[in-house]
Amino acid sequence: DVNQSQVKEIVRPYLEKSIPKELLSGFKDE
């Protein structure tokens, strides 16, 4: 009952919590 875009938003915070902000500078959503 969840689609690909919904799953992406569920897991996005775990990317952001796991990797320091400075290493995500300029990171593209694509």
PDB file of all heavy atoms in Angstrom:
ATOM      1  N   ASP A   1       0.799  -1.225   0.000  1.00  0.00           N
ATOM      2  CA  ASP A   1       0.000   0.000   0.000  1.00  0.00           C
ATOM      3  C   ASP A   1       0.835   1.281   0.000  1.00  0.00           C
ATOM      4  O   ASP A   1       0.313   2.360   0.288  1.00  0.00           O
ATOM      5  CB  ASP A   1      -0.984   0.003   1.170  1.00  0.00           C
ATOM      6  CG  ASP A   1      -0.325  -0.248   2.513  1.00  0.00           C
ATOM      7  OD1 ASP A   1       0.824  -0.715   2.524  1.00  0.00           O
ATOM      8  OD2 ASP A   1      -0.955   0.031   3.554  1.00  0.00           O
ATOM      9  N   VAL A   2       2.132   1.181  -0.303  1.00  0.00           N
ATOM     10  CA  VAL A   2       2.943   2.387  -0.533  1.00  0.00           C
ATOM     11  C   VAL A   2       3.659   2.252  -1.874  1.00  0.00           C
ATOM     12  O   VAL A   2       4.014   1.148  -2.296  1.00  0.00           O
ATOM     13  CB  VAL A   2       3.973   2.638   0.597  1.00  0.00           C
ATOM     14  CG1 VAL A   2       3.290   3.095   1.868  1.00  0.00           C
ATOM     15  CG2 VAL A   2       4.819   1.408   0.864  1.00  0.00           C
ATOM     16  N   ASN A   3       3.836   3.384  -2.543  1.00  0.00           N
ATOM     17  CA  ASN A   3       4.499   3.366  -3.846  1.00  0.00           C
ATOM     18  C   ASN A   3       5.945   3.832  -3.728  1.00  0.00           C
ATOM     19  O   ASN A   3       6.431   4.180  -2.650  1.00  0.00           O
ATOM     20  CB  ASN A   3       3.724   4.212  -4.867  1.00  0.00           C
ATOM     21  CG  ASN A   3       3.607   5.676  -4.436  1.00  0.00           C
ATOM     22  OD1 ASN A   3       4.511   6.229  -3.811  1.00  0.00           O
ATOM     23  ND2 ASN A   3       2.488   6.309  -4.775  1.00  0.00           N
ATOM     24  N   GLN A   4       6.631   3.876  -4.860  1.00  0.00           N
ATOM     25  CA  GLN A   4       8.058   4.195  -4.874  1.00  0.00           C
ATOM     26  C   GLN A   4       8.348   5.575  -4.291  1.00  0.00           C
ATOM     27  O   GLN A   4       9.277   5.742  -3.483  1.00  0.00           O
ATOM     28  CB  GLN A   4       8.587   4.101  -6.303  1.00  0.00           C
ATOM     29  CG  GLN A   4      10.089   4.332  -6.439  1.00  0.00           C
ATOM     30  CD  GLN A   4      10.543   4.320  -7.889  1.00  0.00           C
ATOM     31  OE1 GLN A   4       9.754   4.615  -8.791  1.00  0.00           O
ATOM     32  NE2 GLN A   4      11.793   3.965  -8.126  1.00  0.00           N
ATOM     33  N   SER A   5       7.573   6.573  -4.677  1.00  0.00           N
ATOM     34  CA  SER A   5       7.838   7.935  -4.183  1.00  0.00           C
ATOM     35  C   SER A   5       7.571   8.038  -2.681  1.00  0.00           C
ATOM     36  O   SER A   5       8.276   8.763  -1.964  1.00  0.00           O
ATOM     37  CB  SER A   5       6.996   8.955  -4.951  1.00  0.00           C
ATOM     38  OG  SER A   5       5.617   8.702  -4.787  1.00  0.00           O
ATOM     39  N   GLN A   6       6.582   7.314  -2.188  1.00  0.00           N
ATOM     40  CA  GLN A   6       6.311   7.323  -0.752  1.00  0.00           C
ATOM     41  C   GLN A   6       7.433   6.646   0.036  1.00  0.00           C
ATOM     42  O   GLN A   6       7.838   7.126   1.098  1.00  0.00           O
ATOM     43  CB  GLN A   6       4.969   6.627  -0.479  1.00  0.00           C
ATOM     44  CG  GLN A   6       3.758   7.419  -0.944  1.00  0.00           C
ATOM     45  CD  GLN A   6       2.476   6.608  -0.837  1.00  0.00           C
ATOM     46  OE1 GLN A   6       2.418   5.440  -1.230  1.00  0.00           O
ATOM     47  NE2 GLN A   6       1.419   7.232  -0.311  1.00  0.00           N
ATOM     48  N   VAL A   7       7.938   5.550  -0.503  1.00  0.00           N
ATOM     49  CA  VAL A   7       9.058   4.867   0.149  1.00  0.00           C
ATOM     50  C   VAL A   7      10.276   5.781   0.191  1.00  0.00           C
ATOM     51  O   VAL A   7      10.998   5.843   1.205  1.00  0.00           O
ATOM     52  CB  VAL A   7       9.394   3.538  -0.568  1.00  0.00           C
ATOM     53  CG1 VAL A   7      10.677   2.924  -0.004  1.00  0.00           C
ATOM     54  CG2 VAL A   7       8.244   2.556  -0.448  1.00  0.00           C
ATOM     55  N   LYS A   8      10.487   6.531  -0.879  1.00  0.00           N
ATOM     56  CA  LYS A   8      11.639   7.445  -0.921  1.00  0.00           C
ATOM     57  C   LYS A   8      11.572   8.467   0.207  1.00  0.00           C
ATOM     58  O   LYS A   8      12.600   8.767   0.845  1.00  0.00           O
ATOM     59  CB  LYS A   8      11.696   8.151  -2.278  1.00  0.00           C
ATOM     60  CG  LYS A   8      12.956   8.997  -2.471  1.00  0.00           C
ATOM     61  CD  LYS A   8      13.071   9.507  -3.900  1.00  0.00           C
ATOM     62  CE  LYS A   8      14.386  10.238  -4.125  1.00  0.00           C
ATOM     63  NZ  LYS A   8      14.551  10.660  -5.550  1.00  0.00           N
ATOM     64  N   GLU A   9      10.387   8.981   0.488  1.00  0.00           N
ATOM     65  CA  GLU A   9      10.258   9.974   1.558  1.00  0.00           C
ATOM     66  C   GLU A   9      10.361   9.321   2.942  1.00  0.00           C
ATOM     67  O   GLU A   9      10.802   9.964   3.893  1.00  0.00           O
ATOM     68  CB  GLU A   9       8.943  10.735   1.407  1.00  0.00           C
ATOM     69  CG  GLU A   9       8.896  11.594   0.148  1.00  0.00           C
ATOM     70  CD  GLU A   9      10.165  12.417  -0.069  1.00  0.00           C
ATOM     71  OE1 GLU A   9      10.581  13.137   0.871  1.00  0.00           O
ATOM     72  OE2 GLU A   9      10.760  12.325  -1.164  1.00  0.00           O
ATOM     73  N   ILE A  10       9.972   8.053   3.046  1.00  0.00           N
ATOM     74  CA  ILE A  10      10.126   7.347   4.325  1.00  0.00           C
ATOM     75  C   ILE A  10      11.597   7.164   4.670  1.00  0.00           C
ATOM     76  O   ILE A  10      12.008   7.336   5.829  1.00  0.00           O
ATOM     77  CB  ILE A  10       9.413   5.978   4.271  1.00  0.00           C
ATOM     78  CG1 ILE A  10       7.898   6.155   4.199  1.00  0.00           C
ATOM     79  CG2 ILE A  10       9.780   5.134   5.497  1.00  0.00           C
ATOM     80  CD1 ILE A  10       7.127   4.868   3.941  1.00  0.00           C
ATOM     81  N   VAL A  11      12.425   6.840   3.659  1.00  0.00           N
ATOM     82  CA  VAL A  11      13.831   6.531   3.938  1.00  0.00           C
ATOM     83  C   VAL A  11      14.743   7.755   3.866  1.00  0.00           C
ATOM     84  O   VAL A  11      15.878   7.709   4.365  1.00  0.00           O
ATOM     85  CB  VAL A  11      14.361   5.427   2.995  1.00  0.00           C
ATOM     86  CG1 VAL A  11      13.533   4.170   3.127  1.00  0.00           C
ATOM     87  CG2 VAL A  11      14.424   5.889   1.546  1.00  0.00           C
ATOM     88  N   ARG A  12      14.274   8.843   3.284  1.00  0.00           N
ATOM     89  CA  ARG A  12      15.127  10.029   3.134  1.00  0.00           C
ATOM     90  C   ARG A  12      15.748  10.498   4.456  1.00  0.00           C
ATOM     91  O   ARG A  12      16.951  10.817   4.507  1.00  0.00           O
ATOM     92  CB  ARG A  12      14.336  11.175   2.496  1.00  0.00           C
ATOM     93  CG  ARG A  12      15.201  12.397   2.181  1.00  0.00           C
ATOM     94  CD  ARG A  12      14.362  13.572   1.687  1.00  0.00           C
ATOM     95  NE  ARG A  12      13.665  13.260   0.449  1.00  0.00           N
ATOM     96  CZ  ARG A  12      14.201  13.354  -0.756  1.00  0.00           C
ATOM     97  NH1 ARG A  12      15.461  13.752  -0.892  1.00  0.00           N
ATOM     98  NH2 ARG A  12      13.492  13.062  -1.829  1.00  0.00           N
ATOM     99  N   PRO A  13      14.980  10.552   5.566  1.00  0.00           N
ATOM    100  CA  PRO A  13      15.589  11.018   6.825  1.00  0.00           C
ATOM    101  C   PRO A  13      16.780  10.169   7.282  1.00  0.00           C
ATOM    102  O   PRO A  13      17.663  10.686   7.979  1.00  0.00           O
ATOM    103  CB  PRO A  13      14.432  10.924   7.825  1.00  0.00           C
ATOM    104  CG  PRO A  13      13.191  10.993   6.993  1.00  0.00           C
ATOM    105  CD  PRO A  13      13.537  10.303   5.718  1.00  0.00           C
ATOM    106  N   TYR A  14      16.801   8.898   6.883  1.00  0.00           N
ATOM    107  CA  TYR A  14      17.895   8.025   7.326  1.00  0.00           C
ATOM    108  C   TYR A  14      19.176   8.293   6.544  1.00  0.00           C
ATOM    109  O   TYR A  14      20.266   8.153   7.090  1.00  0.00           O
ATOM    110  CB  TYR A  14      17.449   6.558   7.232  1.00  0.00           C
ATOM    111  CG  TYR A  14      16.290   6.338   8.169  1.00  0.00           C
ATOM    112  CD1 TYR A  14      14.973   6.441   7.719  1.00  0.00           C
ATOM    113  CD2 TYR A  14      16.503   6.131   9.523  1.00  0.00           C
ATOM    114  CE1 TYR A  14      13.899   6.319   8.594  1.00  0.00           C
ATOM    115  CE2 TYR A  14      15.450   6.000  10.407  1.00  0.00           C
ATOM    116  CZ  TYR A  14      14.148   6.097   9.936  1.00  0.00           C
ATOM    117  OH  TYR A  14      13.111   5.984  10.815  1.00  0.00           O
ATOM    118  N   LEU A  15      19.031   8.727   5.313  1.00  0.00           N
ATOM    119  CA  LEU A  15      20.188   9.233   4.570  1.00  0.00           C
ATOM    120  C   LEU A  15      20.726  10.474   5.264  1.00  0.00           C
ATOM    121  O   LEU A  15      21.936  10.589   5.524  1.00  0.00           O
ATOM    122  CB  LEU A  15      19.772   9.554   3.136  1.00  0.00           C
ATOM    123  CG  LEU A  15      20.687  10.478   2.319  1.00  0.00           C
ATOM    124  CD1 LEU A  15      22.036   9.829   2.072  1.00  0.00           C
ATOM    125  CD2 LEU A  15      20.026  10.864   1.007  1.00  0.00           C
ATOM    126  N   GLU A  16      19.842  11.385   5.610  1.00  0.00           N
ATOM    127  CA  GLU A  16      20.260  12.667   6.174  1.00  0.00           C
ATOM    128  C   GLU A  16      20.813  12.524   7.590  1.00  0.00           C
ATOM    129  O   GLU A  16      21.702  13.279   7.996  1.00  0.00           O
ATOM    130  CB  GLU A  16      19.069  13.637   6.150  1.00  0.00           C
ATOM    131  CG  GLU A  16      18.628  13.969   4.719  1.00  0.00           C
ATOM    132  CD  GLU A  16      17.316  14.739   4.661  1.00  0.00           C
ATOM    133  OE1 GLU A  16      16.618  14.809   5.710  1.00  0.00           O
ATOM    134  OE2 GLU A  16      16.970  15.247   3.577  1.00  0.00           O
ATOM    135  N   LYS A  17      20.299  11.545   8.365  1.00  0.00           N
ATOM    136  CA  LYS A  17      20.805  11.324   9.724  1.00  0.00           C
ATOM    137  C   LYS A  17      22.128  10.573   9.745  1.00  0.00           C
ATOM    138  O   LYS A  17      22.879  10.659  10.725  1.00  0.00           O
ATOM    139  CB  LYS A  17      19.771  10.540  10.551  1.00  0.00           C
ATOM    140  CG  LYS A  17      18.583  11.341  10.990  1.00  0.00           C
ATOM    141  CD  LYS A  17      17.733  10.597  12.004  1.00  0.00           C
ATOM    142  CE  LYS A  17      16.938   9.475  11.399  1.00  0.00           C
ATOM    143  NZ  LYS A  17      15.976   8.877  12.374  1.00  0.00           N
ATOM    144  N   SER A  18      22.407   9.843   8.686  1.00  0.00           N
ATOM    145  CA  SER A  18      23.571   8.954   8.683  1.00  0.00           C
ATOM    146  C   SER A  18      24.835   9.604   8.162  1.00  0.00           C
ATOM    147  O   SER A  18      25.938   9.236   8.572  1.00  0.00           O
ATOM    148  CB  SER A  18      23.262   7.703   7.844  1.00  0.00           C
ATOM    149  OG  SER A  18      22.167   6.996   8.367  1.00  0.00           O
ATOM    150  N   ILE A  19      24.697  10.558   7.265  1.00  0.00           N
ATOM    151  CA  ILE A  19      25.856  11.138   6.581  1.00  0.00           C
ATOM    152  C   ILE A  19      25.998  12.607   6.980  1.00  0.00           C
ATOM    153  O   ILE A  19      25.021  13.359   6.923  1.00  0.00           O
ATOM    154  CB  ILE A  19      25.709  11.002   5.052  1.00  0.00           C
ATOM    155  CG1 ILE A  19      25.576   9.523   4.674  1.00  0.00           C
ATOM    156  CG2 ILE A  19      26.900  11.632   4.328  1.00  0.00           C
ATOM    157  CD1 ILE A  19      25.299   9.276   3.204  1.00  0.00           C
ATOM    158  N   PRO A  20      27.188  13.034   7.386  1.00  0.00           N
ATOM    159  CA  PRO A  20      27.383  14.438   7.786  1.00  0.00           C
ATOM    160  C   PRO A  20      26.983  15.420   6.683  1.00  0.00           C
ATOM    161  O   PRO A  20      27.167  15.152   5.490  1.00  0.00           O
ATOM    162  CB  PRO A  20      28.895  14.506   8.062  1.00  0.00           C
ATOM    163  CG  PRO A  20      29.286  13.110   8.399  1.00  0.00           C
ATOM    164  CD  PRO A  20      28.418  12.233   7.547  1.00  0.00           C
ATOM    165  N   LYS A  21      26.444  16.554   7.098  1.00  0.00           N
ATOM    166  CA  LYS A  21      25.949  17.549   6.148  1.00  0.00           C
ATOM    167  C   LYS A  21      27.016  17.998   5.155  1.00  0.00           C
ATOM    168  O   LYS A  21      26.733  18.216   3.975  1.00  0.00           O
ATOM    169  CB  LYS A  21      25.398  18.761   6.900  1.00  0.00           C
ATOM    170  CG  LYS A  21      24.079  18.507   7.603  1.00  0.00           C
ATOM    171  CD  LYS A  21      23.571  19.776   8.267  1.00  0.00           C
ATOM    172  CE  LYS A  21      22.223  19.537   8.950  1.00  0.00           C
ATOM    173  NZ  LYS A  21      21.721  20.775   9.610  1.00  0.00           N
ATOM    174  N   GLU A  22      28.239  18.137   5.650  1.00  0.00           N
ATOM    175  CA  GLU A  22      29.288  18.639   4.752  1.00  0.00           C
ATOM    176  C   GLU A  22      29.571  17.661   3.617  1.00  0.00           C
ATOM    177  O   GLU A  22      29.990  18.083   2.526  1.00  0.00           O
ATOM    178  CB  GLU A  22      30.568  18.938   5.528  1.00  0.00           C
ATOM    179  CG  GLU A  22      31.189  17.758   6.262  1.00  0.00           C
ATOM    180  CD  GLU A  22      30.716  17.596   7.683  1.00  0.00           C
ATOM    181  OE1 GLU A  22      29.610  18.111   8.010  1.00  0.00           O
ATOM    182  OE2 GLU A  22      31.434  16.952   8.477  1.00  0.00           O
ATOM    183  N   LEU A  23      29.343  16.374   3.842  1.00  0.00           N
ATOM    184  CA  LEU A  23      29.559  15.394   2.780  1.00  0.00           C
ATOM    185  C   LEU A  23      28.386  15.323   1.818  1.00  0.00           C
ATOM    186  O   LEU A  23      28.490  14.754   0.733  1.00  0.00           O
ATOM    187  CB  LEU A  23      29.824  14.009   3.373  1.00  0.00           C
ATOM    188  CG  LEU A  23      31.123  13.850   4.160  1.00  0.00           C
ATOM    189  CD1 LEU A  23      31.222  12.464   4.769  1.00  0.00           C
ATOM    190  CD2 LEU A  23      32.340  14.124   3.276  1.00  0.00           C
ATOM    191  N   LEU A  24      27.241  15.925   2.203  1.00  0.00           N
ATOM    192  CA  LEU A  24      26.069  15.962   1.330  1.00  0.00           C
ATOM    193  C   LEU A  24      25.926  17.305   0.621  1.00  0.00           C
ATOM    194  O   LEU A  24      24.946  17.532  -0.089  1.00  0.00           O
ATOM    195  CB  LEU A  24      24.800  15.671   2.135  1.00  0.00           C
ATOM    196  CG  LEU A  24      24.645  14.236   2.649  1.00  0.00           C
ATOM    197  CD1 LEU A  24      23.429  14.136   3.570  1.00  0.00           C
ATOM    198  CD2 LEU A  24      24.514  13.251   1.488  1.00  0.00           C
ATOM    199  N   SER A  25      26.900  18.175   0.792  1.00  0.00           N
ATOM    200  CA  SER A  25      26.856  19.482   0.129  1.00  0.00           C
ATOM    201  C   SER A  25      26.834  19.288  -1.391  1.00  0.00           C
ATOM    202  O   SER A  25      27.694  18.615  -1.953  1.00  0.00           O
ATOM    203  CB  SER A  25      28.075  20.316   0.534  1.00  0.00           C
ATOM    204  OG  SER A  25      28.088  21.544  -0.147  1.00  0.00           O
ATOM    205  N   GLY A  26      25.829  19.855  -2.018  1.00  0.00           N
ATOM    206  CA  GLY A  26      25.708  19.730  -3.466  1.00  0.00           C
ATOM    207  C   GLY A  26      25.112  18.422  -3.938  1.00  0.00           C
ATOM    208  O   GLY A  26      25.032  18.174  -5.153  1.00  0.00           O
ATOM    209  N   PHE A  27      24.673  17.580  -3.004  1.00  0.00           N
ATOM    210  CA  PHE A  27      24.091  16.285  -3.379  1.00  0.00           C
ATOM    211  C   PHE A  27      22.776  16.502  -4.129  1.00  0.00           C
ATOM    212  O   PHE A  27      21.901  17.235  -3.677  1.00  0.00           O
ATOM    213  CB  PHE A  27      23.869  15.435  -2.132  1.00  0.00           C
ATOM    214  CG  PHE A  27      23.336  14.055  -2.408  1.00  0.00           C
ATOM    215  CD1 PHE A  27      24.129  13.100  -3.009  1.00  0.00           C
ATOM    216  CD2 PHE A  27      22.034  13.724  -2.061  1.00  0.00           C
ATOM    217  CE1 PHE A  27      23.642  11.828  -3.258  1.00  0.00           C
ATOM    218  CE2 PHE A  27      21.544  12.454  -2.298  1.00  0.00           C
ATOM    219  CZ  PHE A  27      22.345  11.504  -2.915  1.00  0.00           C
ATOM    220  N   LYS A  28      22.645  15.854  -5.269  1.00  0.00           N
ATOM    221  CA  LYS A  28      21.474  16.037  -6.124  1.00  0.00           C
ATOM    222  C   LYS A  28      20.450  14.944  -5.884  1.00  0.00           C
ATOM    223  O   LYS A  28      20.792  13.771  -5.802  1.00  0.00           O
ATOM    224  CB  LYS A  28      21.904  16.040  -7.593  1.00  0.00           C
ATOM    225  CG  LYS A  28      22.879  17.158  -7.946  1.00  0.00           C
ATOM    226  CD  LYS A  28      23.333  17.046  -9.392  1.00  0.00           C
ATOM    227  CE  LYS A  28      24.335  18.138  -9.751  1.00  0.00           C
ATOM    228  NZ  LYS A  28      24.823  18.007 -11.153  1.00  0.00           N
ATOM    229  N   ASP A  29      19.187  15.345  -5.820  1.00  0.00           N
ATOM    230  CA  ASP A  29      18.139  14.372  -5.545  1.00  0.00           C
ATOM    231  C   ASP A  29      18.052  13.307  -6.625  1.00  0.00           C
ATOM    232  O   ASP A  29      17.690  12.160  -6.342  1.00  0.00           O
ATOM    233  CB  ASP A  29      16.790  15.069  -5.398  1.00  0.00           C
ATOM    234  CG  ASP A  29      15.732  14.143  -4.826  1.00  0.00           C
ATOM    235  OD1 ASP A  29      15.871  13.718  -3.665  1.00  0.00           O
ATOM    236  OD2 ASP A  29      14.779  13.806  -5.563  1.00  0.00           O
ATOM    237  N   GLU A  30      18.406  13.654  -7.844  1.00  0.00           N
ATOM    238  CA  GLU A  30      18.358  12.656  -8.919  1.00  0.00           C
ATOM    239  C   GLU A  30      19.425  11.576  -8.747  1.00  0.00           C
ATOM    240  O   GLU A  30      19.393  10.548  -9.432  1.00  0.00           O
ATOM    241  CB  GLU A  30      18.476  13.305 -10.298  1.00  0.00           C
ATOM    242  CG  GLU A  30      19.703  14.163 -10.503  1.00  0.00           C
ATOM    243  CD  GLU A  30      19.424  15.641 -10.281  1.00  0.00           C
ATOM    244  OE1 GLU A  30      18.590  15.968  -9.399  1.00  0.00           O
ATOM    245  OE2 GLU A  30      20.031  16.461 -10.998  1.00  0.00           O
TER     246      GLU A  30
END
